Amino acid sequence: MTHNELVAACDRTFGSISEFLVRYCGFKHPERGRQGGKETPLVCPHHSSQKNSLGGNCSANNAKAVFTCYTCCAAGEPATGSYVDAVKLYLHMSDKEALDWLSEKCGLK
């Protein structure tokens, strides 16, 4: 399976990288609510600052399936597979475990 096929399967299964992060990785939508546009602000589960609670530290670009927390530097990038990166970082799995977990969740196994 190619990277693009995995991202497409994850997007179909989870809706978007931002919804995946909220559902499985402890992120939340900010107090000010979801915003449309290119970047979706998120609240990182590792920080308690006022700026974080407003979604100022972390965001996801659903069109590119990437995310970044500017405080703890956690990120999911297209080259490494942002869904895989999120599973490794927040669910504490190896590359192989993350790929297997995602494949199972997406019905690819």
PDB file of N, CA and C in Angstrom:
ATOM      1  N   MET A   1       0.842  -1.171   0.000  1.00  0.00           N
ATOM      2  CA  MET A   1       0.000   0.000   0.000  1.00  0.00           C
ATOM      3  C   MET A   1       0.893   1.241   0.000  1.00  0.00           C
ATOM      4  N   THR A   2       0.530   2.217  -0.822  1.00  0.00           N
ATOM      5  CA  THR A   2       1.314   3.446  -0.880  1.00  0.00           C
ATOM      6  C   THR A   2       0.874   4.400   0.226  1.00  0.00           C
ATOM      7  N   HIS A   3       1.700   5.395   0.451  1.00  0.00           N
ATOM      8  CA  HIS A   3       1.379   6.423   1.440  1.00  0.00           C
ATOM      9  C   HIS A   3       0.063   7.111   1.081  1.00  0.00           C
ATOM     10  N   ASN A   4      -0.116   7.483  -0.183  1.00  0.00           N
ATOM     11  CA  ASN A   4      -1.335   8.182  -0.607  1.00  0.00           C
ATOM     12  C   ASN A   4      -2.576   7.308  -0.409  1.00  0.00           C
ATOM     13  N   GLU A   5      -2.444   6.019  -0.636  1.00  0.00           N
ATOM     14  CA  GLU A   5      -3.571   5.109  -0.417  1.00  0.00           C
ATOM     15  C   GLU A   5      -3.934   5.030   1.071  1.00  0.00           C
ATOM     16  N   LEU A   6      -2.923   5.010   1.922  1.00  0.00           N
ATOM     17  CA  LEU A   6      -3.179   4.972   3.365  1.00  0.00           C
ATOM     18  C   LEU A   6      -3.857   6.256   3.827  1.00  0.00           C
ATOM     19  N   VAL A   7      -3.355   7.410   3.376  1.00  0.00           N
ATOM     20  CA  VAL A   7      -3.965   8.694   3.761  1.00  0.00           C
ATOM     21  C   VAL A   7      -5.418   8.749   3.285  1.00  0.00           C
ATOM     22  N   ALA A   8      -5.665   8.315   2.052  1.00  0.00           N
ATOM     23  CA  ALA A   8      -7.035   8.322   1.525  1.00  0.00           C
ATOM     24  C   ALA A   8      -7.938   7.413   2.357  1.00  0.00           C
ATOM     25  N   ALA A   9      -7.446   6.239   2.721  1.00  0.00           N
ATOM     26  CA  ALA A   9      -8.228   5.309   3.550  1.00  0.00           C
ATOM     27  C   ALA A   9      -8.490   5.916   4.933  1.00  0.00           C
ATOM     28  N   CYS A  10      -7.483   6.559   5.504  1.00  0.00           N
ATOM     29  CA  CYS A  10      -7.652   7.201   6.821  1.00  0.00           C
ATOM     30  C   CYS A  10      -8.647   8.349   6.737  1.00  0.00           C
ATOM     31  N   ASP A  11      -8.557   9.169   5.688  1.00  0.00           N
ATOM     32  CA  ASP A  11      -9.513  10.267   5.527  1.00  0.00           C
ATOM     33  C   ASP A  11     -10.938   9.740   5.396  1.00  0.00           C
ATOM     34  N   ARG A  12     -11.116   8.659   4.650  1.00  0.00           N
ATOM     35  CA  ARG A  12     -12.458   8.067   4.510  1.00  0.00           C
ATOM     36  C   ARG A  12     -12.964   7.534   5.849  1.00  0.00           C
ATOM     37  N   THR A  13     -12.086   6.901   6.596  1.00  0.00           N
ATOM     38  CA  THR A  13     -12.475   6.271   7.859  1.00  0.00           C
ATOM     39  C   THR A  13     -12.697   7.287   8.974  1.00  0.00           C
ATOM     40  N   PHE A  14     -11.783   8.237   9.107  1.00  0.00           N
ATOM     41  CA  PHE A  14     -11.807   9.160  10.247  1.00  0.00           C
ATOM     42  C   PHE A  14     -12.382  10.535   9.916  1.00  0.00           C
ATOM     43  N   GLY A  15     -12.514  10.872   8.654  1.00  0.00           N
ATOM     44  CA  GLY A  15     -13.048  12.171   8.250  1.00  0.00           C
ATOM     45  C   GLY A  15     -11.974  13.179   7.913  1.00  0.00           C
ATOM     46  N   SER A  16     -10.972  13.286   8.762  1.00  0.00           N
ATOM     47  CA  SER A  16      -9.863  14.226   8.554  1.00  0.00           C
ATOM     48  C   SER A  16      -8.819  13.984   9.639  1.00  0.00           C
ATOM     49  N   ILE A  17      -7.639  14.535   9.430  1.00  0.00           N
ATOM     50  CA  ILE A  17      -6.581  14.403  10.442  1.00  0.00           C
ATOM     51  C   ILE A  17      -7.002  15.093  11.739  1.00  0.00           C
ATOM     52  N   SER A  18      -7.690  16.234  11.653  1.00  0.00           N
ATOM     53  CA  SER A  18      -8.092  16.923  12.885  1.00  0.00           C
ATOM     54  C   SER A  18      -9.101  16.094  13.674  1.00  0.00           C
ATOM     55  N   GLU A  19     -10.053  15.465  13.004  1.00  0.00           N
ATOM     56  CA  GLU A  19     -11.030  14.635  13.712  1.00  0.00           C
ATOM     57  C   GLU A  19     -10.375  13.380  14.279  1.00  0.00           C
ATOM     58  N   PHE A  20      -9.385  12.842  13.577  1.00  0.00           N
ATOM     59  CA  PHE A  20      -8.630  11.695  14.093  1.00  0.00           C
ATOM     60  C   PHE A  20      -7.907  12.082  15.383  1.00  0.00           C
ATOM     61  N   LEU A  21      -7.253  13.243  15.382  1.00  0.00           N
ATOM     62  CA  LEU A  21      -6.520  13.701  16.562  1.00  0.00           C
ATOM     63  C   LEU A  21      -7.457  13.895  17.755  1.00  0.00           C
ATOM     64  N   VAL A  22      -8.643  14.419  17.501  1.00  0.00           N
ATOM     65  CA  VAL A  22      -9.622  14.620  18.575  1.00  0.00           C
ATOM     66  C   VAL A  22     -10.126  13.266  19.089  1.00  0.00           C
ATOM     67  N   ARG A  23     -10.451  12.375  18.184  1.00  0.00           N
ATOM     68  CA  ARG A  23     -11.053  11.095  18.576  1.00  0.00           C
ATOM     69  C   ARG A  23     -10.085  10.141  19.260  1.00  0.00           C
ATOM     70  N   TYR A  24      -8.847  10.079  18.780  1.00  0.00           N
ATOM     71  CA  TYR A  24      -7.921   9.049  19.266  1.00  0.00           C
ATOM     72  C   TYR A  24      -6.718   9.562  20.058  1.00  0.00           C
ATOM     73  N   CYS A  25      -6.378  10.831  19.919  1.00  0.00           N
ATOM     74  CA  CYS A  25      -5.096  11.299  20.472  1.00  0.00           C
ATOM     75  C   CYS A  25      -5.225  12.342  21.571  1.00  0.00           C
ATOM     76  N   GLY A  26      -6.415  12.635  22.022  1.00  0.00           N
ATOM     77  CA  GLY A  26      -6.586  13.535  23.155  1.00  0.00           C
ATOM     78  C   GLY A  26      -6.670  15.006  22.822  1.00  0.00           C
ATOM     79  N   PHE A  27      -6.617  15.380  21.564  1.00  0.00           N
ATOM     80  CA  PHE A  27      -6.771  16.781  21.184  1.00  0.00           C
ATOM     81  C   PHE A  27      -8.227  17.183  21.360  1.00  0.00           C
ATOM     82  N   LYS A  28      -8.472  18.478  21.453  1.00  0.00           N
ATOM     83  CA  LYS A  28      -9.833  19.005  21.562  1.00  0.00           C
ATOM     84  C   LYS A  28      -9.981  20.165  20.597  1.00  0.00           C
ATOM     85  N   HIS A  29     -11.232  20.473  20.300  1.00  0.00           N
ATOM     86  CA  HIS A  29     -11.499  21.689  19.550  1.00  0.00           C
ATOM     87  C   HIS A  29     -11.429  22.846  20.539  1.00  0.00           C
ATOM     88  N   PRO A  30     -10.953  23.999  20.127  1.00  0.00           N
ATOM     89  CA  PRO A  30     -10.784  25.119  21.063  1.00  0.00           C
ATOM     90  C   PRO A  30     -12.111  25.664  21.581  1.00  0.00           C
ATOM     91  N   GLU A  31     -12.004  26.388  22.705  1.00  0.00           N
ATOM     92  CA  GLU A  31     -13.175  26.997  23.333  1.00  0.00           C
ATOM     93  C   GLU A  31     -13.942  27.894  22.374  1.00  0.00           C
ATOM     94  N   ARG A  32     -13.231  28.548  21.497  1.00  0.00           N
ATOM     95  CA  ARG A  32     -13.888  29.475  20.568  1.00  0.00           C
ATOM     96  C   ARG A  32     -14.563  28.750  19.414  1.00  0.00           C
ATOM     97  N   GLY A  33     -14.495  27.436  19.428  1.00  0.00           N
ATOM     98  CA  GLY A  33     -15.172  26.633  18.418  1.00  0.00           C
ATOM     99  C   GLY A  33     -14.313  26.372  17.202  1.00  0.00           C
ATOM    100  N   ARG A  34     -14.831  25.531  16.343  1.00  0.00           N
ATOM    101  CA  ARG A  34     -14.117  25.189  15.122  1.00  0.00           C
ATOM    102  C   ARG A  34     -14.170  26.364  14.162  1.00  0.00           C
ATOM    103  N   GLN A  35     -13.117  26.506  13.412  1.00  0.00           N
ATOM    104  CA  GLN A  35     -13.094  27.542  12.397  1.00  0.00           C
ATOM    105  C   GLN A  35     -12.883  26.884  11.048  1.00  0.00           C
ATOM    106  N   GLY A  36     -13.505  27.441  10.059  1.00  0.00           N
ATOM    107  CA  GLY A  36     -13.303  26.955   8.710  1.00  0.00           C
ATOM    108  C   GLY A  36     -11.989  27.481   8.167  1.00  0.00           C
ATOM    109  N   GLY A  37     -11.748  27.230   6.936  1.00  0.00           N
ATOM    110  CA  GLY A  37     -10.524  27.711   6.324  1.00  0.00           C
ATOM    111  C   GLY A  37      -9.476  26.637   6.229  1.00  0.00           C
ATOM    112  N   LYS A  38      -8.314  27.073   5.841  1.00  0.00           N
ATOM    113  CA  LYS A  38      -7.215  26.153   5.564  1.00  0.00           C
ATOM    114  C   LYS A  38      -6.711  25.423   6.811  1.00  0.00           C
ATOM    115  N   GLU A  39      -6.567  26.128   7.905  1.00  0.00           N
ATOM    116  CA  GLU A  39      -6.042  25.560   9.142  1.00  0.00           C
ATOM    117  C   GLU A  39      -7.159  25.388  10.169  1.00  0.00           C
ATOM    118  N   THR A  40      -7.206  24.220  10.792  1.00  0.00           N
ATOM    119  CA  THR A  40      -8.169  23.950  11.854  1.00  0.00           C
ATOM    120  C   THR A  40      -7.433  24.041  13.185  1.00  0.00           C
ATOM    121  N   PRO A  41      -7.780  25.023  14.041  1.00  0.00           N
ATOM    122  CA  PRO A  41      -7.105  25.119  15.333  1.00  0.00           C
ATOM    123  C   PRO A  41      -7.501  23.957  16.236  1.00  0.00           C
ATOM    124  N   LEU A  42      -6.536  23.496  17.020  1.00  0.00           N
ATOM    125  CA  LEU A  42      -6.762  22.401  17.961  1.00  0.00           C
ATOM    126  C   LEU A  42      -6.112  22.741  19.289  1.00  0.00           C
ATOM    127  N   VAL A  43      -6.565  22.084  20.341  1.00  0.00           N
ATOM    128  CA  VAL A  43      -5.969  22.210  21.664  1.00  0.00           C
ATOM    129  C   VAL A  43      -5.123  20.968  21.901  1.00  0.00           C
ATOM    130  N   CYS A  44      -3.823  21.163  22.075  1.00  0.00           N
ATOM    131  CA  CYS A  44      -2.900  20.061  22.315  1.00  0.00           C
ATOM    132  C   CYS A  44      -3.125  19.512  23.727  1.00  0.00           C
ATOM    133  N   PRO A  45      -3.141  18.197  23.896  1.00  0.00           N
ATOM    134  CA  PRO A  45      -3.397  17.620  25.213  1.00  0.00           C
ATOM    135  C   PRO A  45      -2.254  17.796  26.213  1.00  0.00           C
ATOM    136  N   HIS A  46      -1.121  18.332  25.774  1.00  0.00           N
ATOM    137  CA  HIS A  46       0.046  18.427  26.652  1.00  0.00           C
ATOM    138  C   HIS A  46       0.290  19.813  27.235  1.00  0.00           C
ATOM    139  N   HIS A  47      -0.618  20.767  27.014  1.00  0.00           N
ATOM    140  CA  HIS A  47      -0.392  22.137  27.488  1.00  0.00           C
ATOM    141  C   HIS A  47      -1.666  22.681  28.115  1.00  0.00           C
ATOM    142  N   SER A  48      -1.528  23.555  29.102  1.00  0.00           N
ATOM    143  CA  SER A  48      -2.702  24.102  29.775  1.00  0.00           C
ATOM    144  C   SER A  48      -2.767  25.627  29.709  1.00  0.00           C
ATOM    145  N   SER A  49      -2.036  26.247  28.816  1.00  0.00           N
ATOM    146  CA  SER A  49      -2.030  27.708  28.739  1.00  0.00           C
ATOM    147  C   SER A  49      -3.330  28.224  28.125  1.00  0.00           C
ATOM    148  N   GLN A  50      -3.621  29.492  28.385  1.00  0.00           N
ATOM    149  CA  GLN A  50      -4.795  30.147  27.813  1.00  0.00           C
ATOM    150  C   GLN A  50      -4.707  30.157  26.291  1.00  0.00           C
ATOM    151  N   LYS A  51      -3.518  30.418  25.758  1.00  0.00           N
ATOM    152  CA  LYS A  51      -3.346  30.431  24.304  1.00  0.00           C
ATOM    153  C   LYS A  51      -3.676  29.064  23.717  1.00  0.00           C
ATOM    154  N   ASN A  52      -3.243  28.007  24.383  1.00  0.00           N
ATOM    155  CA  ASN A  52      -3.550  26.660  23.900  1.00  0.00           C
ATOM    156  C   ASN A  52      -5.049  26.400  23.943  1.00  0.00           C
ATOM    157  N   SER A  53      -5.725  26.824  25.018  1.00  0.00           N
ATOM    158  CA  SER A  53      -7.164  26.564  25.137  1.00  0.00           C
ATOM    159  C   SER A  53      -7.964  27.271  24.048  1.00  0.00           C
ATOM    160  N   LEU A  54      -7.378  28.284  23.442  1.00  0.00           N
ATOM    161  CA  LEU A  54      -8.030  28.991  22.339  1.00  0.00           C
ATOM    162  C   LEU A  54      -7.619  28.442  20.977  1.00  0.00           C
ATOM    163  N   GLY A  55      -6.785  27.421  20.986  1.00  0.00           N
ATOM    164  CA  GLY A  55      -6.342  26.815  19.732  1.00  0.00           C
ATOM    165  C   GLY A  55      -5.186  27.554  19.091  1.00  0.00           C
ATOM    166  N   GLY A  56      -4.444  28.320  19.883  1.00  0.00           N
ATOM    167  CA  GLY A  56      -3.365  29.124  19.338  1.00  0.00           C
ATOM    168  C   GLY A  56      -2.041  28.416  19.181  1.00  0.00           C
ATOM    169  N   ASN A  57      -1.887  27.249  19.791  1.00  0.00           N
ATOM    170  CA  ASN A  57      -0.601  26.549  19.739  1.00  0.00           C
ATOM    171  C   ASN A  57      -0.552  25.440  18.695  1.00  0.00           C
ATOM    172  N   CYS A  58      -1.695  24.961  18.277  1.00  0.00           N
ATOM    173  CA  CYS A  58      -1.725  23.742  17.483  1.00  0.00           C
ATOM    174  C   CYS A  58      -2.759  23.881  16.370  1.00  0.00           C
ATOM    175  N   SER A  59      -2.431  23.317  15.216  1.00  0.00           N
ATOM    176  CA  SER A  59      -3.400  23.336  14.134  1.00  0.00           C
ATOM    177  C   SER A  59      -3.197  22.142  13.224  1.00  0.00           C
ATOM    178  N   ALA A  60      -4.230  21.860  12.441  1.00  0.00           N
ATOM    179  CA  ALA A  60      -4.178  20.798  11.445  1.00  0.00           C
ATOM    180  C   ALA A  60      -4.610  21.377  10.108  1.00  0.00           C
ATOM    181  N   ASN A  61      -3.960  20.927   9.068  1.00  0.00           N
ATOM    182  CA  ASN A  61      -4.374  21.262   7.712  1.00  0.00           C
ATOM    183  C   ASN A  61      -4.972  19.990   7.137  1.00  0.00           C
ATOM    184  N   ASN A  62      -6.301  19.932   7.110  1.00  0.00           N
ATOM    185  CA  ASN A  62      -6.983  18.711   6.689  1.00  0.00           C
ATOM    186  C   ASN A  62      -6.772  18.406   5.209  1.00  0.00           C
ATOM    187  N   ALA A  63      -6.639  19.428   4.387  1.00  0.00           N
ATOM    188  CA  ALA A  63      -6.420  19.208   2.952  1.00  0.00           C
ATOM    189  C   ALA A  63      -5.100  18.499   2.699  1.00  0.00           C
ATOM    190  N   LYS A  64      -4.099  18.810   3.514  1.00  0.00           N
ATOM    191  CA  LYS A  64      -2.780  18.194   3.367  1.00  0.00           C
ATOM    192  C   LYS A  64      -2.572  17.033   4.334  1.00  0.00           C
ATOM    193  N   ALA A  65      -3.514  16.831   5.256  1.00  0.00           N
ATOM    194  CA  ALA A  65      -3.435  15.783   6.283  1.00  0.00           C
ATOM    195  C   ALA A  65      -2.170  15.915   7.118  1.00  0.00           C
ATOM    196  N   VAL A  66      -1.913  17.135   7.605  1.00  0.00           N
ATOM    197  CA  VAL A  66      -0.756  17.392   8.465  1.00  0.00           C
ATOM    198  C   VAL A  66      -1.219  18.127   9.722  1.00  0.00           C
ATOM    199  N   PHE A  67      -0.416  18.034  10.786  1.00  0.00           N
ATOM    200  CA  PHE A  67      -0.696  18.770  12.018  1.00  0.00           C
ATOM    201  C   PHE A  67       0.611  19.242  12.634  1.00  0.00           C
ATOM    202  N   THR A  68       0.519  20.307  13.431  1.00  0.00           N
ATOM    203  CA  THR A  68       1.690  20.838  14.120  1.00  0.00           C
ATOM    204  C   THR A  68       1.270  21.459  15.440  1.00  0.00           C
ATOM    205  N   CYS A  69       2.015  21.146  16.500  1.00  0.00           N
ATOM    206  CA  CYS A  69       1.908  21.871  17.762  1.00  0.00           C
ATOM    207  C   CYS A  69       3.170  22.709  17.864  1.00  0.00           C
ATOM    208  N   TYR A  70       3.010  24.012  17.927  1.00  0.00           N
ATOM    209  CA  TYR A  70       4.159  24.910  17.926  1.00  0.00           C
ATOM    210  C   TYR A  70       4.823  25.008  19.299  1.00  0.00           C
ATOM    211  N   THR A  71       4.191  24.474  20.332  1.00  0.00           N
ATOM    212  CA  THR A  71       4.780  24.506  21.660  1.00  0.00           C
ATOM    213  C   THR A  71       5.673  23.294  21.902  1.00  0.00           C
ATOM    214  N   CYS A  72       5.143  22.098  21.660  1.00  0.00           N
ATOM    215  CA  CYS A  72       5.952  20.901  21.920  1.00  0.00           C
ATOM    216  C   CYS A  72       6.614  20.352  20.658  1.00  0.00           C
ATOM    217  N   CYS A  73       6.380  21.013  19.535  1.00  0.00           N
ATOM    218  CA  CYS A  73       6.990  20.652  18.246  1.00  0.00           C
ATOM    219  C   CYS A  73       6.549  19.290  17.728  1.00  0.00           C
ATOM    220  N   ALA A  74       5.453  18.768  18.239  1.00  0.00           N
ATOM    221  CA  ALA A  74       4.895  17.528  17.692  1.00  0.00           C
ATOM    222  C   ALA A  74       4.314  17.859  16.330  1.00  0.00           C
ATOM    223  N   ALA A  75       4.536  16.969  15.378  1.00  0.00           N
ATOM    224  CA  ALA A  75       4.034  17.232  14.037  1.00  0.00           C
ATOM    225  C   ALA A  75       3.839  15.940  13.278  1.00  0.00           C
ATOM    226  N   GLY A  76       2.947  15.986  12.344  1.00  0.00           N
ATOM    227  CA  GLY A  76       2.745  14.906  11.394  1.00  0.00           C
ATOM    228  C   GLY A  76       2.920  15.488  10.013  1.00  0.00           C
ATOM    229  N   GLU A  77       3.847  14.986   9.293  1.00  0.00           N
ATOM    230  CA  GLU A  77       4.193  15.540   7.990  1.00  0.00           C
ATOM    231  C   GLU A  77       3.852  14.568   6.873  1.00  0.00           C
ATOM    232  N   PRO A  78       3.581  15.081   5.682  1.00  0.00           N
ATOM    233  CA  PRO A  78       3.215  14.206   4.569  1.00  0.00           C
ATOM    234  C   PRO A  78       4.279  13.162   4.234  1.00  0.00           C
ATOM    235  N   ALA A  79       5.531  13.519   4.322  1.00  0.00           N
ATOM    236  CA  ALA A  79       6.607  12.592   3.932  1.00  0.00           C
ATOM    237  C   ALA A  79       6.644  11.349   4.814  1.00  0.00           C
ATOM    238  N   THR A  80       6.297  11.500   6.088  1.00  0.00           N
ATOM    239  CA  THR A  80       6.355  10.360   7.001  1.00  0.00           C
ATOM    240  C   THR A  80       4.977   9.785   7.293  1.00  0.00           C
ATOM    241  N   GLY A  81       3.931  10.468   6.865  1.00  0.00           N
ATOM    242  CA  GLY A  81       2.578   9.977   7.102  1.00  0.00           C
ATOM    243  C   GLY A  81       2.019  10.498   8.396  1.00  0.00           C
ATOM    244  N   SER A  82       1.256  11.577   8.346  1.00  0.00           N
ATOM    245  CA  SER A  82       0.813  12.231   9.570  1.00  0.00           C
ATOM    246  C   SER A  82      -0.074  11.354  10.439  1.00  0.00           C
ATOM    247  N   TYR A  83      -0.901  10.502   9.837  1.00  0.00           N
ATOM    248  CA  TYR A  83      -1.694   9.586  10.656  1.00  0.00           C
ATOM    249  C   TYR A  83      -0.763   8.620  11.398  1.00  0.00           C
ATOM    250  N   VAL A  84       0.237   8.124  10.704  1.00  0.00           N
ATOM    251  CA  VAL A  84       1.216   7.220  11.328  1.00  0.00           C
ATOM    252  C   VAL A  84       1.973   7.963  12.425  1.00  0.00           C
ATOM    253  N   ASP A  85       2.402   9.195  12.145  1.00  0.00           N
ATOM    254  CA  ASP A  85       3.103   9.998  13.151  1.00  0.00           C
ATOM    255  C   ASP A  85       2.246  10.195  14.396  1.00  0.00           C
ATOM    256  N   ALA A  86       0.965  10.492  14.212  1.00  0.00           N
ATOM    257  CA  ALA A  86       0.073  10.711  15.351  1.00  0.00           C
ATOM    258  C   ALA A  86      -0.064   9.448  16.196  1.00  0.00           C
ATOM    259  N   VAL A  87      -0.232   8.313  15.542  1.00  0.00           N
ATOM    260  CA  VAL A  87      -0.355   7.051  16.281  1.00  0.00           C
ATOM    261  C   VAL A  87       0.928   6.764  17.049  1.00  0.00           C
ATOM    262  N   LYS A  88       2.069   6.974  16.414  1.00  0.00           N
ATOM    263  CA  LYS A  88       3.353   6.735  17.093  1.00  0.00           C
ATOM    264  C   LYS A  88       3.520   7.668  18.288  1.00  0.00           C
ATOM    265  N   LEU A  89       3.241   8.961  18.113  1.00  0.00           N
ATOM    266  CA  LEU A  89       3.443   9.948  19.176  1.00  0.00           C
ATOM    267  C   LEU A  89       2.463   9.797  20.335  1.00  0.00           C
ATOM    268  N   TYR A  90       1.183   9.624  20.018  1.00  0.00           N
ATOM    269  CA  TYR A  90       0.160   9.719  21.047  1.00  0.00           C
ATOM    270  C   TYR A  90      -0.362   8.373  21.532  1.00  0.00           C
ATOM    271  N   LEU A  91      -0.197   7.333  20.728  1.00  0.00           N
ATOM    272  CA  LEU A  91      -0.607   5.997  21.164  1.00  0.00           C
ATOM    273  C   LEU A  91       0.604   5.118  21.455  1.00  0.00           C
ATOM    274  N   HIS A  92       1.790   5.711  21.321  1.00  0.00           N
ATOM    275  CA  HIS A  92       3.054   5.083  21.711  1.00  0.00           C
ATOM    276  C   HIS A  92       3.289   3.739  21.020  1.00  0.00           C
ATOM    277  N   MET A  93       3.265   3.770  19.692  1.00  0.00           N
ATOM    278  CA  MET A  93       3.499   2.553  18.910  1.00  0.00           C
ATOM    279  C   MET A  93       4.703   2.739  18.002  1.00  0.00           C
ATOM    280  N   SER A  94       5.261   1.618  17.575  1.00  0.00           N
ATOM    281  CA  SER A  94       6.352   1.633  16.597  1.00  0.00           C
ATOM    282  C   SER A  94       5.762   1.883  15.205  1.00  0.00           C
ATOM    283  N   ASP A  95       6.627   2.062  14.208  1.00  0.00           N
ATOM    284  CA  ASP A  95       6.161   2.236  12.826  1.00  0.00           C
ATOM    285  C   ASP A  95       5.259   1.080  12.406  1.00  0.00           C
ATOM    286  N   LYS A  96       5.746  -0.128  12.597  1.00  0.00           N
ATOM    287  CA  LYS A  96       4.992  -1.308  12.172  1.00  0.00           C
ATOM    288  C   LYS A  96       3.665  -1.423  12.923  1.00  0.00           C
ATOM    289  N   GLU A  97       3.702  -1.206  14.231  1.00  0.00           N
ATOM    290  CA  GLU A  97       2.470  -1.274  15.021  1.00  0.00           C
ATOM    291  C   GLU A  97       1.464  -0.220  14.556  1.00  0.00           C
ATOM    292  N   ALA A  98       1.959   0.987  14.282  1.00  0.00           N
ATOM    293  CA  ALA A  98       1.089   2.075  13.828  1.00  0.00           C
ATOM    294  C   ALA A  98       0.456   1.743  12.485  1.00  0.00           C
ATOM    295  N   LEU A  99       1.253   1.236  11.560  1.00  0.00           N
ATOM    296  CA  LEU A  99       0.721   0.856  10.250  1.00  0.00           C
ATOM    297  C   LEU A  99      -0.306  -0.265  10.376  1.00  0.00           C
ATOM    298  N   ASP A 100      -0.019  -1.246  11.200  1.00  0.00           N
ATOM    299  CA  ASP A 100      -0.955  -2.356  11.413  1.00  0.00           C
ATOM    300  C   ASP A 100      -2.256  -1.860  12.047  1.00  0.00           C
ATOM    301  N   TRP A 101      -2.138  -0.988  13.049  1.00  0.00           N
ATOM    302  CA  TRP A 101      -3.309  -0.453  13.748  1.00  0.00           C
ATOM    303  C   TRP A 101      -4.184   0.339  12.790  1.00  0.00           C
ATOM    304  N   LEU A 102      -3.556   1.231  12.017  1.00  0.00           N
ATOM    305  CA  LEU A 102      -4.314   2.034  11.061  1.00  0.00           C
ATOM    306  C   LEU A 102      -4.953   1.157   9.985  1.00  0.00           C
ATOM    307  N   SER A 103      -4.208   0.188   9.492  1.00  0.00           N
ATOM    308  CA  SER A 103      -4.736  -0.716   8.466  1.00  0.00           C
ATOM    309  C   SER A 103      -5.964  -1.442   8.976  1.00  0.00           C
ATOM    310  N   GLU A 104      -5.901  -1.898  10.215  1.00  0.00           N
ATOM    311  CA  GLU A 104      -7.050  -2.596  10.802  1.00  0.00           C
ATOM    312  C   GLU A 104      -8.245  -1.664  10.971  1.00  0.00           C
ATOM    313  N   LYS A 105      -8.008  -0.457  11.504  1.00  0.00           N
ATOM    314  CA  LYS A 105      -9.085   0.510  11.716  1.00  0.00           C
ATOM    315  C   LYS A 105      -9.741   0.905  10.407  1.00  0.00           C
ATOM    316  N   CYS A 106      -8.951   0.960   9.342  1.00  0.00           N
ATOM    317  CA  CYS A 106      -9.454   1.382   8.031  1.00  0.00           C
ATOM    318  C   CYS A 106     -10.001   0.221   7.201  1.00  0.00           C
ATOM    319  N   GLY A 107      -9.953  -0.985   7.760  1.00  0.00           N
ATOM    320  CA  GLY A 107     -10.469  -2.147   7.054  1.00  0.00           C
ATOM    321  C   GLY A 107      -9.598  -2.599   5.893  1.00  0.00           C
ATOM    322  N   LEU A 108      -8.311  -2.332   5.993  1.00  0.00           N
ATOM    323  CA  LEU A 108      -7.379  -2.702   4.933  1.00  0.00           C
ATOM    324  C   LEU A 108      -6.703  -4.030   5.189  1.00  0.00           C
ATOM    325  N   LYS A 109      -6.949  -4.630   6.338  1.00  0.00           N
ATOM    326  CA  LYS A 109      -6.336  -5.929   6.694  1.00  0.00           C
ATOM    327  C   LYS A 109      -7.367  -7.011   6.670  1.00  0.00           C
TER     328      LYS A 109
END
